[in-house]
C-alpha atoms as a PDB file:
ATOM      1  CA  MET A   1     209.844 139.741 112.419  1.00  0.00           C
ATOM      2  CA  GLU A   2     207.738 138.169 109.676  1.00  0.00           C
ATOM      3  CA  ARG A   3     209.016 138.855 106.176  1.00  0.00           C
ATOM      4  CA  LEU A   4     207.751 138.283 102.662  1.00  0.00           C
ATOM      5  CA  LYS A   5     208.774 135.016 101.044  1.00  0.00           C
ATOM      6  CA  ALA A   6     207.482 135.206  97.461  1.00  0.00           C
ATOM      7  CA  VAL A   7     205.928 137.394  94.807  1.00  0.00           C
ATOM      8  CA  VAL A   8     203.645 135.698  92.266  1.00  0.00           C
ATOM      9  CA  PHE A   9     203.181 137.515  88.963  1.00  0.00           C
ATOM     10  CA  ASP A  10     200.618 137.141  86.221  1.00  0.00           C
ATOM     11  CA  TRP A  11     202.000 137.218  82.665  1.00  0.00           C
ATOM     12  CA  ALA A  12     200.091 139.112  79.927  1.00  0.00           C
ATOM     13  CA  GLY A  13     199.472 142.727  80.913  1.00  0.00           C
ATOM     14  CA  THR A  14     201.657 142.283  83.984  1.00  0.00           C
ATOM     15  CA  VAL A  15     205.161 141.370  82.827  1.00  0.00           C
ATOM     16  CA  ILE A  16     204.662 140.922  79.047  1.00  0.00           C
ATOM     17  CA  ASP A  17     202.318 142.318  76.384  1.00  0.00           C
ATOM     18  CA  PHE A  18     201.675 145.896  77.523  1.00  0.00           C
ATOM     19  CA  GLY A  19     197.920 146.423  77.223  1.00  0.00           C
ATOM     20  CA  SER A  20     197.225 142.674  77.055  1.00  0.00           C
ATOM     21  CA  PHE A  21     196.513 142.519  73.338  1.00  0.00           C
ATOM     22  CA  ALA A  22     197.522 138.995  72.294  1.00  0.00           C
ATOM     23  CA  PRO A  23     194.166 137.266  72.948  1.00  0.00           C
ATOM     24  CA  MET A  24     191.909 140.078  71.748  1.00  0.00           C
ATOM     25  CA  GLY A  25     192.024 139.633  67.997  1.00  0.00           C
ATOM     26  CA  VAL A  26     192.005 135.873  68.470  1.00  0.00           C
ATOM     27  CA  PHE A  27     188.702 135.968  70.346  1.00  0.00           C
ATOM     28  CA  VAL A  28     187.241 138.137  67.581  1.00  0.00           C
ATOM     29  CA  GLU A  29     188.489 135.730  64.900  1.00  0.00           C
ATOM     30  CA  ALA A  30     187.406 132.581  66.758  1.00  0.00           C
ATOM     31  CA  PHE A  31     183.848 133.828  67.220  1.00  0.00           C
ATOM     32  CA  SER A  32     183.671 135.053  63.620  1.00  0.00           C
ATOM     33  CA  ARG A  33     184.248 131.481  62.457  1.00  0.00           C
ATOM     34  CA  PHE A  34     180.937 130.626  64.117  1.00  0.00           C
ATOM     35  CA  GLY A  35     179.119 133.543  62.507  1.00  0.00           C
ATOM     36  CA  ILE A  36     179.310 135.840  65.547  1.00  0.00           C
ATOM     37  CA  ASP A  37     180.786 139.337  65.481  1.00  0.00           C
ATOM     38  CA  VAL A  38     182.232 140.395  68.840  1.00  0.00           C
ATOM     39  CA  SER A  39     183.993 143.590  69.838  1.00  0.00           C
ATOM     40  CA  ILE A  40     187.338 143.975  71.574  1.00  0.00           C
ATOM     41  CA  ALA A  41     185.510 145.439  74.579  1.00  0.00           C
ATOM     42  CA  GLU A  42     183.286 142.347  74.793  1.00  0.00           C
ATOM     43  CA  ALA A  43     186.355 140.125  74.518  1.00  0.00           C
ATOM     44  CA  ARG A  44     188.131 142.014  77.303  1.00  0.00           C
ATOM     45  CA  ALA A  45     185.293 141.782  79.833  1.00  0.00           C
ATOM     46  CA  PRO A  46     186.109 138.304  81.291  1.00  0.00           C
ATOM     47  CA  MET A  47     189.892 138.697  80.877  1.00  0.00           C
ATOM     48  CA  GLY A  48     192.124 136.754  83.248  1.00  0.00           C
ATOM     49  CA  ARG A  49     189.962 133.656  83.418  1.00  0.00           C
ATOM     50  CA  PRO A  50     191.097 130.333  81.946  1.00  0.00           C
ATOM     51  CA  LYS A  51     190.381 130.644  78.260  1.00  0.00           C
ATOM     52  CA  ARG A  52     187.563 128.080  78.104  1.00  0.00           C
ATOM     53  CA  ASP A  53     185.882 129.842  81.042  1.00  0.00           C
ATOM     54  CA  HIS A  54     186.502 133.121  79.240  1.00  0.00           C
ATOM     55  CA  ILE A  55     184.653 131.878  76.157  1.00  0.00           C
ATOM     56  CA  GLU A  56     181.792 130.596  78.309  1.00  0.00           C
ATOM     57  CA  ALA A  57     181.544 133.999  79.993  1.00  0.00           C
ATOM     58  CA  MET A  58     181.501 135.769  76.622  1.00  0.00           C
ATOM     59  CA  LEU A  59     178.689 133.513  75.411  1.00  0.00           C
ATOM     60  CA  ALA A  60     176.716 134.438  78.536  1.00  0.00           C
ATOM     61  CA  GLN A  61     176.863 138.141  77.695  1.00  0.00           C
ATOM     62  CA  PRO A  62     173.306 139.051  76.623  1.00  0.00           C
ATOM     63  CA  ARG A  63     174.201 140.552  73.226  1.00  0.00           C
ATOM     64  CA  ILE A  64     176.529 137.700  72.253  1.00  0.00           C
ATOM     65  CA  LEU A  65     174.047 135.124  73.538  1.00  0.00           C
ATOM     66  CA  ALA A  66     171.300 136.682  71.418  1.00  0.00           C
ATOM     67  CA  ALA A  67     173.603 136.738  68.377  1.00  0.00           C
ATOM     68  CA  TRP A  68     174.434 133.067  68.863  1.00  0.00           C
ATOM     69  CA  GLU A  69     170.759 132.127  69.202  1.00  0.00           C
ATOM     70  CA  SER A  70     169.970 134.096  66.038  1.00  0.00           C
ATOM     71  CA  ALA A  71     172.785 132.478  64.066  1.00  0.00           C
ATOM     72  CA  HIS A  72     172.347 128.914  65.332  1.00  0.00           C
ATOM     73  CA  GLY A  73     168.709 128.740  66.394  1.00  0.00           C
ATOM     74  CA  ARG A  74     169.517 127.647  69.952  1.00  0.00           C
ATOM     75  CA  ARG A  75     171.458 128.522  73.061  1.00  0.00           C
ATOM     76  CA  PRO A  76     175.155 127.583  73.099  1.00  0.00           C
ATOM     77  CA  THR A  77     175.951 124.203  74.644  1.00  0.00           C
ATOM     78  CA  ASP A  78     179.083 122.876  76.346  1.00  0.00           C
ATOM     79  CA  ASP A  79     180.012 121.327  73.009  1.00  0.00           C
ATOM     80  CA  ASP A  80     179.774 124.768  71.396  1.00  0.00           C
ATOM     81  CA  ILE A  81     182.033 126.240  74.063  1.00  0.00           C
ATOM     82  CA  ASP A  82     184.525 123.446  73.403  1.00  0.00           C
ATOM     83  CA  ALA A  83     184.315 124.058  69.671  1.00  0.00           C
ATOM     84  CA  VAL A  84     185.120 127.780  70.006  1.00  0.00           C
ATOM     85  CA  TYR A  85     187.908 126.941  72.456  1.00  0.00           C
ATOM     86  CA  ASP A  86     189.384 124.398  70.045  1.00  0.00           C
ATOM     87  CA  VAL A  87     189.585 127.132  67.417  1.00  0.00           C
ATOM     88  CA  PHE A  88     190.923 129.734  69.859  1.00  0.00           C
ATOM     89  CA  VAL A  89     193.897 127.860  71.323  1.00  0.00           C
ATOM     90  CA  PRO A  90     195.893 127.164  68.135  1.00  0.00           C
ATOM     91  CA  LEU A  91     195.184 130.675  66.888  1.00  0.00           C
ATOM     92  CA  ASN A  92     196.498 132.135  70.146  1.00  0.00           C
ATOM     93  CA  GLU A  93     199.542 129.856  70.013  1.00  0.00           C
ATOM     94  CA  GLU A  94     200.383 131.288  66.615  1.00  0.00           C
ATOM     95  CA  VAL A  95     200.170 134.974  67.544  1.00  0.00           C
ATOM     96  CA  VAL A  96     201.288 135.091  71.179  1.00  0.00           C
ATOM     97  CA  GLY A  97     204.961 135.374  70.269  1.00  0.00           C
ATOM     98  CA  GLN A  98     204.226 138.688  68.586  1.00  0.00           C
ATOM     99  CA  TYR A  99     203.106 140.088  71.941  1.00  0.00           C
ATOM    100  CA  ALA A 100     205.841 138.740  74.216  1.00  0.00           C
ATOM    101  CA  ASP A 101     207.878 141.909  74.741  1.00  0.00           C
ATOM    102  CA  LEU A 102     208.564 142.477  78.419  1.00  0.00           C
ATOM    103  CA  ILE A 103     206.898 145.423  80.110  1.00  0.00           C
ATOM    104  CA  PRO A 104     209.448 148.062  81.153  1.00  0.00           C
ATOM    105  CA  GLY A 105     210.718 147.395  84.658  1.00  0.00           C
ATOM    106  CA  ALA A 106     209.854 143.695  84.736  1.00  0.00           C
ATOM    107  CA  VAL A 107     213.449 142.445  84.556  1.00  0.00           C
ATOM    108  CA  GLU A 108     214.707 144.964  87.093  1.00  0.00           C
ATOM    109  CA  VAL A 109     211.904 144.241  89.563  1.00  0.00           C
ATOM    110  CA  ALA A 110     212.373 140.477  89.175  1.00  0.00           C
ATOM    111  CA  GLY A 111     216.085 140.883  89.854  1.00  0.00           C
ATOM    112  CA  GLU A 112     215.438 142.883  93.001  1.00  0.00           C
ATOM    113  CA  VAL A 113     212.820 140.370  94.190  1.00  0.00           C
ATOM    114  CA  ARG A 114     215.459 137.651  93.935  1.00  0.00           C
ATOM    115  CA  ALA A 115     218.113 139.878  95.539  1.00  0.00           C
ATOM    116  CA  ARG A 116     215.812 140.199  98.556  1.00  0.00           C
ATOM    117  CA  GLY A 117     215.766 136.412  98.867  1.00  0.00           C
ATOM    118  CA  LEU A 118     212.183 136.041  97.674  1.00  0.00           C
ATOM    119  CA  LYS A 119     210.856 133.353  95.346  1.00  0.00           C
ATOM    120  CA  LEU A 120     209.388 134.491  92.037  1.00  0.00           C
ATOM    121  CA  GLY A 121     206.234 132.597  91.072  1.00  0.00           C
ATOM    122  CA  SER A 122     203.686 132.901  88.294  1.00  0.00           C
ATOM    123  CA  THR A 123     200.134 132.046  87.328  1.00  0.00           C
ATOM    124  CA  THR A 124     198.340 132.702  84.056  1.00  0.00           C
ATOM    125  CA  GLY A 125     195.041 132.359  82.240  1.00  0.00           C
ATOM    126  CA  TYR A 126     196.980 130.963  79.277  1.00  0.00           C
ATOM    127  CA  THR A 127     197.176 127.249  78.613  1.00  0.00           C
ATOM    128  CA  ARG A 128     200.514 125.482  78.961  1.00  0.00           C
ATOM    129  CA  SER A 129     200.734 125.056  75.181  1.00  0.00           C
ATOM    130  CA  ILE A 130     200.484 128.824  74.744  1.00  0.00           C
ATOM    131  CA  MET A 131     203.029 129.470  77.484  1.00  0.00           C
ATOM    132  CA  GLU A 132     205.474 127.084  75.806  1.00  0.00           C
ATOM    133  CA  ARG A 133     205.691 129.750  73.085  1.00  0.00           C
ATOM    134  CA  VAL A 134     206.147 132.565  75.619  1.00  0.00           C
ATOM    135  CA  LEU A 135     208.705 131.146  78.061  1.00  0.00           C
ATOM    136  CA  PRO A 136     211.744 131.039  75.767  1.00  0.00           C
ATOM    137  CA  LEU A 137     210.994 134.537  74.493  1.00  0.00           C
ATOM    138  CA  ALA A 138     210.777 135.892  78.037  1.00  0.00           C
ATOM    139  CA  LYS A 139     213.969 134.073  79.018  1.00  0.00           C
ATOM    140  CA  ALA A 140     215.814 135.587  76.074  1.00  0.00           C
ATOM    141  CA  GLN A 141     214.875 139.016  77.452  1.00  0.00           C
ATOM    142  CA  GLY A 142     216.128 138.124  80.932  1.00  0.00           C
ATOM    143  CA  TYR A 143     212.915 137.101  82.700  1.00  0.00           C
ATOM    144  CA  GLU A 144     212.390 133.699  84.320  1.00  0.00           C
ATOM    145  CA  THR A 145     210.183 132.522  87.164  1.00  0.00           C
ATOM    146  CA  ASP A 146     210.596 129.741  89.723  1.00  0.00           C
ATOM    147  CA  ASN A 147     207.312 128.099  88.776  1.00  0.00           C
ATOM    148  CA  LEU A 148     204.383 128.356  86.388  1.00  0.00           C
ATOM    149  CA  VAL A 149     200.733 127.427  86.954  1.00  0.00           C
ATOM    150  CA  CYS A 150     198.638 127.527  83.777  1.00  0.00           C
ATOM    151  CA  ALA A 151     194.952 127.374  82.949  1.00  0.00           C
ATOM    152  CA  GLY A 152     194.010 123.708  82.799  1.00  0.00           C
ATOM    153  CA  ASP A 153     196.683 122.544  85.242  1.00  0.00           C
ATOM    154  CA  LEU A 154     194.141 122.247  88.057  1.00  0.00           C
ATOM    155  CA  PRO A 155     190.442 121.318  88.287  1.00  0.00           C
ATOM    156  CA  GLN A 156     189.519 124.955  88.867  1.00  0.00           C
ATOM    157  CA  GLY A 157     191.392 128.117  88.028  1.00  0.00           C
ATOM    158  CA  ARG A 158     190.747 131.793  88.551  1.00  0.00           C
ATOM    159  CA  PRO A 159     188.998 133.289  90.431  1.00  0.00           C
ATOM    160  CA  THR A 160     189.446 130.375  92.870  1.00  0.00           C
ATOM    161  CA  PRO A 161     192.652 130.264  94.950  1.00  0.00           C
ATOM    162  CA  MET A 162     193.784 126.879  93.600  1.00  0.00           C
ATOM    163  CA  ASN A 163     196.533 128.339  91.401  1.00  0.00           C
ATOM    164  CA  MET A 164     197.984 130.123  94.396  1.00  0.00           C
ATOM    165  CA  TYR A 165     197.823 126.992  96.526  1.00  0.00           C
ATOM    166  CA  LYS A 166     199.868 125.245  93.843  1.00  0.00           C
ATOM    167  CA  CYS A 167     202.361 128.108  93.951  1.00  0.00           C
ATOM    168  CA  PHE A 168     202.763 127.667  97.706  1.00  0.00           C
ATOM    169  CA  LEU A 169     203.619 124.000  97.130  1.00  0.00           C
ATOM    170  CA  ASP A 170     205.886 124.614  94.137  1.00  0.00           C
ATOM    171  CA  LEU A 171     207.803 127.388  95.854  1.00  0.00           C
ATOM    172  CA  GLY A 172     207.785 125.883  99.339  1.00  0.00           C
ATOM    173  CA  VAL A 173     206.445 129.065 100.915  1.00  0.00           C
ATOM    174  CA  TRP A 174     203.931 129.752 103.657  1.00  0.00           C
ATOM    175  CA  PRO A 175     201.930 131.303 105.284  1.00  0.00           C
ATOM    176  CA  ALA A 176     199.774 132.882 102.587  1.00  0.00           C
ATOM    177  CA  HIS A 177     200.260 136.374 104.002  1.00  0.00           C
ATOM    178  CA  ALA A 178     203.990 136.061 103.250  1.00  0.00           C
ATOM    179  CA  VAL A 179     203.138 136.054  99.515  1.00  0.00           C
ATOM    180  CA  VAL A 180     202.193 138.936  97.193  1.00  0.00           C
ATOM    181  CA  LYS A 181     200.070 138.422  94.055  1.00  0.00           C
ATOM    182  CA  VAL A 182     200.520 140.963  91.240  1.00  0.00           C
ATOM    183  CA  ASP A 183     197.964 141.039  88.403  1.00  0.00           C
ATOM    184  CA  ASP A 184     196.253 143.270  85.853  1.00  0.00           C
ATOM    185  CA  THR A 185     192.818 141.568  86.007  1.00  0.00           C
ATOM    186  CA  GLY A 186     190.116 141.404  88.630  1.00  0.00           C
ATOM    187  CA  VAL A 187     189.945 137.614  88.661  1.00  0.00           C
ATOM    188  CA  GLY A 188     193.716 137.471  89.046  1.00  0.00           C
ATOM    189  CA  ILE A 189     193.411 139.694  92.105  1.00  0.00           C
ATOM    190  CA  ASP A 190     190.590 137.450  93.343  1.00  0.00           C
ATOM    191  CA  GLU A 191     192.772 134.329  93.207  1.00  0.00           C
ATOM    192  CA  GLY A 192     195.372 136.022  95.373  1.00  0.00           C
ATOM    193  CA  ARG A 193     192.931 137.526  97.845  1.00  0.00           C
ATOM    194  CA  GLU A 194     190.967 134.293  98.230  1.00  0.00           C
ATOM    195  CA  ALA A 195     194.223 132.484  98.984  1.00  0.00           C
ATOM    196  CA  GLY A 196     195.047 134.958 101.750  1.00  0.00           C
ATOM    197  CA  CYS A 197     197.841 136.832  99.944  1.00  0.00           C
ATOM    198  CA  TRP A 198     198.598 140.514  99.628  1.00  0.00           C
ATOM    199  CA  THR A 199     197.330 141.715  96.242  1.00  0.00           C
ATOM    200  CA  VAL A 200     198.629 144.444  93.942  1.00  0.00           C
ATOM    201  CA  ALA A 201     196.587 145.483  90.898  1.00  0.00           C
ATOM    202  CA  LEU A 202     198.109 147.151  87.844  1.00  0.00           C
ATOM    203  CA  SER A 203     196.027 149.963  86.399  1.00  0.00           C
ATOM    204  CA  LEU A 204     197.848 151.117  83.267  1.00  0.00           C
ATOM    205  CA  SER A 205     199.801 148.202  81.772  1.00  0.00           C
ATOM    206  CA  GLY A 206     197.065 145.649  81.338  1.00  0.00           C
ATOM    207  CA  ASN A 207     193.553 144.707  80.452  1.00  0.00           C
ATOM    208  CA  GLU A 208     191.662 147.449  82.281  1.00  0.00           C
ATOM    209  CA  ALA A 209     193.478 150.243  80.453  1.00  0.00           C
ATOM    210  CA  GLY A 210     193.867 148.360  77.180  1.00  0.00           C
ATOM    211  CA  VAL A 211     196.373 150.756  75.619  1.00  0.00           C
ATOM    212  CA  THR A 212     199.807 150.232  74.121  1.00  0.00           C
ATOM    213  CA  LEU A 213     202.924 151.671  75.718  1.00  0.00           C
ATOM    214  CA  LEU A 214     203.181 154.173  72.853  1.00  0.00           C
ATOM    215  CA  GLU A 215     199.550 155.232  73.257  1.00  0.00           C
ATOM    216  CA  LEU A 216     200.102 155.729  76.978  1.00  0.00           C
ATOM    217  CA  SER A 217     203.264 157.755  76.441  1.00  0.00           C
ATOM    218  CA  ASP A 218     201.396 160.070  74.047  1.00  0.00           C
ATOM    219  CA  MET A 219     198.691 160.849  76.626  1.00  0.00           C
ATOM    220  CA  THR A 220     198.600 164.028  78.653  1.00  0.00           C
ATOM    221  CA  ALA A 221     198.839 163.832  82.426  1.00  0.00           C
ATOM    222  CA  SER A 222     195.100 164.417  82.743  1.00  0.00           C
ATOM    223  CA  GLU A 223     194.325 161.697  80.192  1.00  0.00           C
ATOM    224  CA  LYS A 224     196.532 159.238  82.080  1.00  0.00           C
ATOM    225  CA  GLU A 225     194.840 160.133  85.340  1.00  0.00           C
ATOM    226  CA  ALA A 226     191.403 159.592  83.832  1.00  0.00           C
ATOM    227  CA  LEU A 227     192.493 156.170  82.568  1.00  0.00           C
ATOM    228  CA  ARG A 228     194.012 155.369  85.969  1.00  0.00           C
ATOM    229  CA  GLN A 229     190.774 156.277  87.719  1.00  0.00           C
ATOM    230  CA  THR A 230     188.674 154.186  85.325  1.00  0.00           C
ATOM    231  CA  ALA A 231     190.883 151.151  85.848  1.00  0.00           C
ATOM    232  CA  SER A 232     190.938 151.653  89.616  1.00  0.00           C
ATOM    233  CA  ALA A 233     187.146 151.806  89.684  1.00  0.00           C
ATOM    234  CA  ALA A 234     187.001 148.487  87.817  1.00  0.00           C
ATOM    235  CA  PHE A 235     189.284 146.923  90.436  1.00  0.00           C
ATOM    236  CA  ALA A 236     187.298 148.260  93.394  1.00  0.00           C
ATOM    237  CA  LYS A 237     184.962 145.265  93.723  1.00  0.00           C
ATOM    238  CA  HIS A 238     187.977 142.930  93.781  1.00  0.00           C
ATOM    239  CA  ARG A 239     189.445 144.773  96.804  1.00  0.00           C
ATOM    240  CA  PRO A 240     193.186 144.745  96.024  1.00  0.00           C
ATOM    241  CA  ASP A 241     195.455 145.898  98.824  1.00  0.00           C
ATOM    242  CA  TYR A 242     197.257 148.253  96.438  1.00  0.00           C
ATOM    243  CA  ILE A 243     196.796 149.662  92.945  1.00  0.00           C
ATOM    244  CA  ILE A 244     199.856 150.870  91.025  1.00  0.00           C
ATOM    245  CA  ASP A 245     200.448 151.851  87.413  1.00  0.00           C
ATOM    246  CA  THR A 246     202.808 149.087  86.258  1.00  0.00           C
ATOM    247  CA  VAL A 247     205.147 146.422  87.599  1.00  0.00           C
ATOM    248  CA  ALA A 248     207.921 149.028  87.587  1.00  0.00           C
ATOM    249  CA  ASP A 249     206.246 150.647  90.620  1.00  0.00           C
ATOM    250  CA  LEU A 250     206.191 147.490  92.759  1.00  0.00           C
ATOM    251  CA  LEU A 251     209.310 147.672  94.949  1.00  0.00           C
ATOM    252  CA  PRO A 252     208.140 150.484  97.280  1.00  0.00           C
ATOM    253  CA  ILE A 253     204.907 148.521  97.767  1.00  0.00           C
ATOM    254  CA  LEU A 254     206.859 145.463  98.922  1.00  0.00           C
ATOM    255  CA  ASP A 255     208.576 147.693 101.474  1.00  0.00           C
ATOM    256  CA  GLN A 256     205.205 148.985 102.700  1.00  0.00           C
ATOM    257  CA  ILE A 257     203.823 145.464 102.986  1.00  0.00           C
ATOM    258  CA  GLU A 258     206.751 144.308 105.114  1.00  0.00           C
ATOM    259  CA  GLN A 259     206.302 147.349 107.353  1.00  0.00           C
ATOM    260  CA  ARG A 260     202.637 146.452 107.791  1.00  0.00           C
ATOM    261  CA  MET A 261     203.512 142.827 108.492  1.00  0.00           C
ATOM    262  CA  ALA A 262     205.885 144.004 111.201  1.00  0.00           C
ATOM    263  CA  ARG A 263     202.914 145.746 112.832  1.00  0.00           C
ATOM    264  CA  GLY A 264     200.872 142.523 112.671  1.00  0.00           C
ATOM    265  CA  GLU A 265     198.650 143.624 109.787  1.00  0.00           C
ATOM    266  CA  ARG A 266     197.253 141.131 107.291  1.00  0.00           C
ATOM    267  CA  PRO A 267     195.961 141.323 103.695  1.00  0.00           C
ATOM    268  CA  THR A 268     192.415 142.251 102.694  1.00  0.00           C
ATOM    269  CA  ARG A 269     190.013 139.287 102.794  1.00  0.00           C
END
């Protein structure tokens, strides 16, 4: 019987930084240095992409594009994208450690994944320099992965499947349908689906919900359900195989996937 061989997790909003807040204020600050006011909602829209691609996508948003043209008298160029990115990265490096608390359940789920004999991989929209700040903080809390693929490691990142292909090589696992990708962003789900993996989207711990753990705990059941439905609707076009609240809910899903594999079923493509 075919069995799972690996689970590949995203980082921010998936296993650390409940609500995925670390980059938000940094995007706002980086754009402000070029005379452009952006909102947190505008900054969240392209979340999950490599950060340079994220900035490019923000500059393509009609309101931000118009603001840039008004402030600078022209459309943004590749050099402008690079300039904003060059401001963003060191700012994000400085603050990311403040948002590195593990999401409840991450350590326990990672331990069970390993106990089942599965590899534990990871991809991220963060650069390697940013992740160098995160890794020791995660390790100190009991969370380590078997590999790490960062934005900028490969010619193309999310939403392409290249990061996942690198995970297959790093972890020595195949076929693709023996791997599960867990992520809180649509483009992170895309990278897993395009690679041929099972995909699990997280509705309440990450970018789509955009709330802190305390804010979530203070919500009524109906408020949580409304937030869950909003996030699930945002994921619909990315066609994840499963949508759960947080990483803490993953283990029963792994059981269901192995049962489906035993019946010859394959992930959504």
